[in-house]
N, C-alpha and C. Protein backbone atom coordinates (compact mmCIF):
# COMPACT_ATOMS: atom_id res chain seq x y z
N MET A 1 20.66 -26.52 12.46
CA MET A 1 19.86 -25.34 12.79
C MET A 1 20.39 -23.94 11.93
N SER A 2 19.55 -23.19 11.71
CA SER A 2 20.13 -22.26 10.92
C SER A 2 20.54 -20.82 11.45
N THR A 3 21.81 -20.14 11.48
CA THR A 3 21.76 -19.17 11.91
C THR A 3 21.73 -17.62 11.19
N CYS A 4 21.01 -17.14 11.78
CA CYS A 4 20.47 -15.58 11.27
C CYS A 4 21.23 -14.86 10.81
N ARG A 5 21.28 -14.15 9.33
CA ARG A 5 22.34 -13.61 8.75
C ARG A 5 22.33 -11.82 9.71
N TRP A 6 21.65 -11.16 9.98
CA TRP A 6 21.59 -10.11 10.64
C TRP A 6 21.94 -9.99 11.95
N CYS A 7 21.31 -11.04 12.89
CA CYS A 7 21.42 -10.67 14.44
C CYS A 7 22.67 -11.54 14.39
N THR A 8 23.06 -12.64 13.82
CA THR A 8 24.19 -13.35 14.38
C THR A 8 25.15 -13.38 13.08
N PRO A 9 26.21 -12.38 12.58
CA PRO A 9 26.71 -12.48 11.22
C PRO A 9 27.95 -13.09 11.58
N GLN A 10 28.31 -13.75 10.62
CA GLN A 10 29.67 -14.66 10.89
C GLN A 10 30.75 -14.22 9.92
N HIS A 11 30.85 -14.07 9.06
CA HIS A 11 32.17 -13.39 8.55
C HIS A 11 32.38 -12.20 8.68
N GLN A 12 31.42 -11.39 8.51
CA GLN A 12 31.30 -9.84 8.05
C GLN A 12 30.63 -9.32 9.02
N THR A 13 30.56 -7.91 9.42
CA THR A 13 29.63 -6.89 10.35
C THR A 13 28.30 -7.25 9.47
N THR A 14 27.31 -6.50 10.33
CA THR A 14 26.28 -6.60 9.66
C THR A 14 26.08 -5.33 8.97
N ILE A 15 27.00 -4.32 8.89
CA ILE A 15 27.06 -3.03 8.14
C ILE A 15 27.55 -3.73 6.68
N GLU A 16 28.63 -4.28 6.73
CA GLU A 16 29.24 -4.98 5.72
C GLU A 16 27.99 -5.72 5.00
N PHE A 17 27.71 -6.73 5.62
CA PHE A 17 26.40 -7.63 4.88
C PHE A 17 25.49 -6.87 4.33
N LEU A 18 25.00 -5.60 4.89
CA LEU A 18 23.90 -4.59 4.62
C LEU A 18 24.79 -4.20 3.11
N GLN A 19 25.70 -3.82 3.55
CA GLN A 19 26.00 -3.01 1.80
C GLN A 19 26.18 -4.15 0.87
N SER A 20 26.61 -5.54 1.11
CA SER A 20 26.08 -6.55 -0.20
C SER A 20 24.61 -6.71 -0.33
N TYR A 21 23.99 -6.46 0.52
CA TYR A 21 22.42 -6.71 0.30
C TYR A 21 21.83 -5.40 -0.37
N SER A 22 22.53 -4.35 0.08
CA SER A 22 21.85 -3.18 -1.02
C SER A 22 22.02 -3.09 -2.20
N SER A 23 23.66 -3.56 -2.48
CA SER A 23 24.06 -3.63 -3.99
C SER A 23 23.89 -4.78 -4.68
N GLU A 24 22.75 -5.53 -3.95
CA GLU A 24 22.49 -6.95 -4.52
C GLU A 24 23.34 -7.92 -5.33
N GLU A 25 24.74 -8.11 -4.13
CA GLU A 25 25.62 -9.01 -4.90
C GLU A 25 25.62 -10.24 -4.40
N LEU A 26 24.40 -10.41 -3.29
CA LEU A 26 24.43 -11.75 -2.51
C LEU A 26 24.21 -12.94 -3.73
N LEU A 27 24.25 -14.06 -3.77
CA LEU A 27 23.93 -15.14 -4.36
C LEU A 27 22.28 -15.27 -4.11
N SER A 28 21.59 -15.92 -4.90
CA SER A 28 20.09 -15.68 -4.59
C SER A 28 19.60 -16.59 -3.67
N GLN A 29 20.11 -17.85 -3.33
CA GLN A 29 20.35 -18.29 -1.91
C GLN A 29 20.54 -17.61 -0.77
N GLU A 30 21.62 -16.95 -0.85
CA GLU A 30 21.65 -15.95 0.65
C GLU A 30 21.11 -14.63 0.58
N LEU A 31 20.44 -14.29 -0.56
CA LEU A 31 19.49 -12.91 -0.66
C LEU A 31 17.92 -13.36 0.23
N LYS A 32 17.65 -14.84 -0.26
CA LYS A 32 16.16 -15.44 0.14
C LYS A 32 16.39 -15.83 1.40
N ALA A 33 17.65 -16.18 1.87
CA ALA A 33 17.89 -16.56 3.28
C ALA A 33 18.03 -15.38 4.16
N ALA A 34 18.32 -14.27 3.74
CA ALA A 34 18.74 -12.89 4.35
C ALA A 34 16.91 -11.88 4.47
N ASN A 35 16.61 -12.38 3.47
CA ASN A 35 14.95 -11.69 3.52
C ASN A 35 14.09 -12.81 4.49
N GLU A 36 14.26 -14.08 4.62
CA GLU A 36 13.62 -14.66 5.31
C GLU A 36 13.80 -14.25 6.91
N ASP A 37 15.19 -14.08 7.31
CA ASP A 37 15.75 -13.61 8.67
C ASP A 37 14.90 -12.38 8.52
N LEU A 38 14.50 -11.44 7.82
CA LEU A 38 13.87 -10.09 8.16
C LEU A 38 12.39 -10.39 8.50
N CYS A 39 11.54 -11.63 8.13
CA CYS A 39 10.59 -11.76 8.14
C CYS A 39 9.86 -12.60 9.15
N TYR A 40 10.81 -13.36 9.73
CA TYR A 40 10.92 -14.24 10.95
C TYR A 40 11.13 -14.11 12.22
N CYS A 41 12.79 -12.93 12.54
CA CYS A 41 13.42 -12.72 13.66
C CYS A 41 13.32 -11.08 13.86
N LEU A 42 12.59 -11.11 14.70
CA LEU A 42 12.67 -9.16 15.38
C LEU A 42 14.16 -9.05 15.28
N GLU A 43 14.82 -9.74 15.82
CA GLU A 43 16.66 -9.16 16.46
C GLU A 43 16.88 -8.92 14.95
N CYS A 44 16.81 -9.77 13.56
CA CYS A 44 17.83 -9.52 12.68
C CYS A 44 17.00 -7.97 12.07
N VAL A 45 15.39 -7.65 12.19
CA VAL A 45 15.19 -6.77 11.75
C VAL A 45 15.56 -5.22 12.41
N VAL A 46 15.55 -5.38 13.82
CA VAL A 46 16.26 -4.30 14.52
C VAL A 46 17.69 -4.16 14.16
N GLU A 47 18.47 -5.44 13.98
CA GLU A 47 20.23 -5.15 13.65
C GLU A 47 19.96 -4.33 12.06
N TYR A 48 19.14 -4.89 11.12
CA TYR A 48 18.95 -4.43 9.69
C TYR A 48 18.99 -2.93 9.86
N HIS A 49 17.79 -2.09 10.63
CA HIS A 49 17.40 -0.88 11.06
C HIS A 49 18.35 0.13 11.59
N ARG A 50 19.17 -0.68 12.44
CA ARG A 50 20.67 0.01 13.11
C ARG A 50 21.33 0.06 11.68
N ALA A 51 21.92 -1.04 11.10
CA ALA A 51 22.89 -1.12 9.93
C ALA A 51 22.22 0.10 9.14
N ARG A 52 21.33 0.27 8.97
CA ARG A 52 20.55 1.04 7.47
C ARG A 52 21.14 2.40 8.08
N ASP A 53 20.73 2.69 9.29
CA ASP A 53 20.88 4.13 9.76
C ASP A 53 22.16 4.51 9.43
N GLU A 54 23.16 3.76 9.56
CA GLU A 54 24.71 3.75 9.28
C GLU A 54 25.28 4.07 8.13
N LEU A 55 24.17 3.82 6.95
CA LEU A 55 24.44 4.14 5.80
C LEU A 55 23.67 4.77 4.94
N PRO A 56 23.65 5.85 5.04
CA PRO A 56 22.52 6.98 4.46
C PRO A 56 22.71 6.79 2.94
N THR A 57 23.72 6.81 2.46
CA THR A 57 23.77 6.71 0.80
C THR A 57 23.01 5.66 0.29
N ALA A 58 22.82 4.53 1.11
CA ALA A 58 22.17 3.38 0.81
C ALA A 58 20.41 3.33 0.43
N HIS A 59 20.31 4.43 1.36
CA HIS A 59 18.76 4.34 1.61
C HIS A 59 17.95 4.33 0.81
N LYS A 60 18.06 4.63 -0.66
CA LYS A 60 17.07 4.54 -2.00
C LYS A 60 17.19 3.38 -2.38
N ASN A 61 17.91 2.89 -2.28
CA ASN A 61 18.21 1.21 -2.79
C ASN A 61 17.46 0.52 -1.96
N LEU A 62 17.97 0.60 -0.32
CA LEU A 62 17.24 -0.15 0.34
C LEU A 62 15.80 -0.01 0.43
N TRP A 63 15.14 1.15 0.33
CA TRP A 63 13.63 1.64 0.34
C TRP A 63 13.10 0.26 -0.62
N LYS A 64 13.73 0.24 -1.67
CA LYS A 64 12.91 -0.33 -2.76
C LYS A 64 13.20 -2.06 -2.40
N ILE A 65 14.19 -2.32 -2.06
CA ILE A 65 14.45 -3.66 -1.74
C ILE A 65 13.59 -4.20 -0.24
N GLU A 66 13.40 -3.46 0.66
CA GLU A 66 12.71 -3.57 1.80
C GLU A 66 11.34 -3.54 1.67
N THR A 67 10.65 -2.66 0.45
CA THR A 67 9.09 -2.55 0.37
C THR A 67 8.87 -3.87 -0.56
N LYS A 68 9.93 -4.23 -1.47
CA LYS A 68 9.52 -4.97 -2.16
C LYS A 68 9.37 -6.45 -1.36
N ARG A 69 10.23 -6.60 -0.42
CA ARG A 69 10.43 -7.64 0.42
C ARG A 69 9.16 -8.01 1.12
N LEU A 70 8.74 -6.66 1.92
CA LEU A 70 7.43 -6.86 2.36
C LEU A 70 6.50 -6.95 1.86
N VAL A 71 6.44 -6.43 0.67
CA VAL A 71 5.11 -6.70 -0.15
C VAL A 71 4.98 -7.95 -0.61
N GLN A 72 5.95 -8.62 -1.21
CA GLN A 72 6.01 -10.14 -1.18
C GLN A 72 5.63 -11.20 -0.56
N HIS A 73 5.95 -10.71 0.76
CA HIS A 73 5.61 -11.64 1.88
C HIS A 73 4.20 -11.59 1.92
N PHE A 74 3.82 -10.21 2.12
CA PHE A 74 2.32 -10.23 2.42
C PHE A 74 1.78 -10.63 1.47
N GLU A 75 1.75 -10.79 0.44
CA GLU A 75 0.93 -11.21 -0.63
C GLU A 75 1.27 -12.79 -0.97
N LYS A 76 2.25 -13.14 -0.46
CA LYS A 76 2.34 -14.55 -0.40
C LYS A 76 1.39 -15.08 0.62
N THR A 77 1.96 -14.42 1.71
CA THR A 77 1.00 -15.08 3.17
C THR A 77 -0.17 -14.99 2.77
N LEU A 78 -0.78 -13.70 2.21
CA LEU A 78 -2.33 -13.66 2.26
C LEU A 78 -2.87 -14.88 0.68
N LYS A 79 -1.92 -14.88 0.32
CA LYS A 79 -2.77 -15.83 -0.90
C LYS A 79 -2.62 -17.35 -0.17
N GLU A 80 -1.47 -17.52 0.29
CA GLU A 80 -1.79 -19.00 0.91
C GLU A 80 -2.97 -18.97 1.87
N GLU A 81 -3.20 -18.03 2.97
CA GLU A 81 -4.24 -18.26 3.55
C GLU A 81 -5.56 -18.42 2.61
N GLU A 82 -5.44 -17.62 1.55
CA GLU A 82 -6.98 -17.91 0.86
C GLU A 82 -7.26 -19.06 0.22
N GLU A 83 -6.00 -19.69 -0.12
CA GLU A 83 -6.03 -21.33 -0.77
C GLU A 83 -6.08 -22.38 0.26
N GLU A 84 -6.11 -21.91 1.41
CA GLU A 84 -5.84 -23.18 2.60
C GLU A 84 -7.47 -23.16 2.98
N GLU A 85 -7.92 -24.02 2.61
CA GLU A 85 -8.99 -24.66 3.11
C GLU A 85 -9.34 -24.80 5.17
N GLU A 86 -8.22 -25.76 5.26
CA GLU A 86 -7.76 -26.26 6.74
C GLU A 86 -8.31 -25.13 7.35
N GLY A 87 -7.76 -23.98 7.10
CA GLY A 87 -8.00 -22.80 8.36
C GLY A 87 -9.33 -22.41 8.40
N GLU A 88 -10.31 -22.85 8.13
CA GLU A 88 -11.86 -22.19 8.46
C GLU A 88 -12.09 -22.79 9.60
N LEU A 89 -12.84 -22.11 10.53
CA LEU A 89 -13.22 -22.22 11.67
C LEU A 89 -14.60 -22.35 11.78
N PHE A 90 -14.94 -23.30 12.21
CA PHE A 90 -16.44 -23.91 12.28
C PHE A 90 -17.07 -24.00 13.80
N LEU A 91 -18.13 -23.26 13.88
CA LEU A 91 -18.95 -23.66 15.23
C LEU A 91 -20.27 -24.60 14.82
N ILE A 92 -20.21 -25.35 15.85
CA ILE A 92 -21.40 -26.46 15.74
C ILE A 92 -22.03 -26.34 16.39
N GLN A 93 -23.41 -25.92 16.14
CA GLN A 93 -24.59 -25.55 17.20
C GLN A 93 -25.65 -26.26 16.72
N ASP A 94 -26.65 -27.22 17.50
CA ASP A 94 -27.70 -27.56 17.01
C ASP A 94 -27.53 -28.41 15.50
N GLU A 95 -26.87 -29.10 15.82
CA GLU A 95 -26.48 -30.18 14.65
C GLU A 95 -26.08 -29.44 13.42
N GLN A 96 -25.74 -27.77 13.52
CA GLN A 96 -25.51 -27.30 12.07
C GLN A 96 -24.21 -26.88 12.38
N GLU A 97 -23.52 -26.95 11.08
CA GLU A 97 -21.98 -26.15 11.17
C GLU A 97 -22.28 -24.74 10.56
N ILE A 98 -21.42 -23.72 11.52
CA ILE A 98 -21.84 -22.24 10.86
C ILE A 98 -20.37 -21.68 11.05
N GLN A 99 -19.98 -21.41 9.71
CA GLN A 99 -18.71 -21.30 9.56
C GLN A 99 -18.47 -19.68 10.22
N LEU A 100 -17.22 -19.46 10.95
CA LEU A 100 -17.04 -18.21 11.31
C LEU A 100 -15.95 -17.28 10.28
N HIS A 101 -16.47 -16.48 10.17
CA HIS A 101 -15.28 -15.42 9.46
C HIS A 101 -14.66 -14.21 10.20
N GLY A 102 -13.61 -13.86 9.75
CA GLY A 102 -12.83 -13.04 10.40
C GLY A 102 -11.61 -13.50 11.63
N TYR A 103 -11.55 -15.07 11.59
CA TYR A 103 -10.32 -15.50 12.48
C TYR A 103 -9.37 -16.11 11.81
N MET A 104 -8.54 -15.88 12.13
CA MET A 104 -7.22 -16.29 10.97
C MET A 104 -6.73 -17.61 11.85
N ALA A 105 -5.99 -18.53 11.32
CA ALA A 105 -5.08 -19.34 11.50
C ALA A 105 -3.89 -18.87 12.25
N ALA A 106 -3.63 -19.89 13.01
CA ALA A 106 -2.07 -19.60 13.65
C ALA A 106 -1.01 -19.21 12.77
N ASP A 107 -0.72 -19.77 11.59
CA ASP A 107 0.37 -19.92 10.95
C ASP A 107 0.09 -18.57 10.49
N ILE A 108 -0.87 -17.82 9.91
CA ILE A 108 -0.80 -16.50 9.16
C ILE A 108 -0.38 -15.40 10.10
N GLU A 109 -1.23 -15.81 11.54
CA GLU A 109 -0.32 -14.70 12.40
C GLU A 109 1.29 -14.73 12.75
N ASN A 110 1.84 -16.22 12.66
CA ASN A 110 3.22 -16.51 12.58
C ASN A 110 4.13 -15.68 11.70
N ASP A 111 3.41 -15.79 10.33
CA ASP A 111 4.08 -15.48 9.39
C ASP A 111 3.94 -14.00 8.97
N LEU A 112 3.00 -13.03 9.87
CA LEU A 112 2.89 -11.60 9.60
C LEU A 112 3.09 -10.74 10.86
N ARG A 113 3.76 -11.51 12.07
CA ARG A 113 3.87 -10.86 13.33
C ARG A 113 5.39 -10.00 13.48
N VAL A 114 6.18 -10.27 12.43
CA VAL A 114 7.39 -9.81 12.83
C VAL A 114 6.99 -8.41 11.90
N PRO A 115 6.65 -8.92 10.09
CA PRO A 115 6.38 -7.28 8.89
C PRO A 115 5.28 -6.58 9.51
N ILE A 116 4.44 -7.24 10.57
CA ILE A 116 3.73 -6.14 10.98
C ILE A 116 4.73 -5.06 12.11
N ILE A 117 5.38 -6.13 13.04
CA ILE A 117 5.87 -4.97 13.80
C ILE A 117 6.95 -4.23 13.54
N GLU A 118 7.79 -4.51 12.36
CA GLU A 118 8.61 -3.93 11.62
C GLU A 118 7.74 -2.71 11.06
N ILE A 119 6.88 -2.75 10.75
CA ILE A 119 6.34 -1.63 9.99
C ILE A 119 5.63 -0.34 11.35
N LEU A 120 5.29 -1.14 12.17
CA LEU A 120 4.84 -0.14 13.20
C LEU A 120 5.99 0.03 13.84
N LYS A 121 6.93 -0.22 14.17
CA LYS A 121 8.50 0.36 14.80
C LYS A 121 9.04 1.58 13.64
N TYR A 122 8.60 1.04 12.25
CA TYR A 122 9.56 1.98 11.50
C TYR A 122 8.76 2.43 10.40
N PRO A 123 7.36 3.23 10.89
CA PRO A 123 6.55 3.95 10.08
C PRO A 123 6.88 4.27 8.80
N TYR A 124 8.26 4.92 8.57
CA TYR A 124 8.40 5.43 7.10
C TYR A 124 8.08 4.33 5.96
N LEU A 125 8.04 3.17 6.45
CA LEU A 125 7.66 1.83 5.34
C LEU A 125 5.82 2.51 5.10
N LEU A 126 5.23 3.02 5.85
CA LEU A 126 3.81 2.88 5.23
C LEU A 126 3.63 4.08 4.50
N LEU A 127 4.90 4.85 4.18
CA LEU A 127 4.67 5.34 2.86
C LEU A 127 4.30 5.00 1.40
N HIS A 128 5.01 3.47 1.42
CA HIS A 128 4.99 2.91 0.16
C HIS A 128 3.55 2.47 -0.23
N GLU A 129 2.92 2.61 -1.11
CA GLU A 129 1.25 2.86 -1.67
C GLU A 129 0.62 1.36 -1.13
N HIS A 130 1.52 0.32 -1.79
CA HIS A 130 1.02 -0.68 -1.39
C HIS A 130 0.85 -1.39 0.25
N LEU A 131 1.98 -0.98 0.76
CA LEU A 131 2.18 -1.35 2.33
C LEU A 131 0.94 -0.61 3.10
N SER A 132 0.75 0.65 2.59
CA SER A 132 -0.18 1.66 3.57
C SER A 132 -1.82 0.94 3.74
N LYS A 133 -1.86 0.14 2.37
CA LYS A 133 -3.29 -0.35 2.36
C LYS A 133 -3.63 -1.61 3.50
């Protein structure tokens, strides 16, 4: 079982970890894991933003990193949903298959739940052009 890097820090405080994250000093694998934690764990998002408030000098760089993370996550998830045929929903009526549009598979809801809550909880993220679309 993996431990979240933001809500259950191991060897350093969340603020220290955020300093490494904002200066992009983390190893590629550690950066990927930290970003995944922020996409799937709401407690991590809360701890991240709490630490972010303590580091006003890093806000400019963090803005670039967090908007990039969110945009990439949305694009990846939506692309996967478009490519996935199994997520289609059909209604069988009078021996005919009718495709129902506008319904999402459970996977996309799980993948986007935390990022959408993050944007709603921290609306400054909507200032980014791609996130506001």
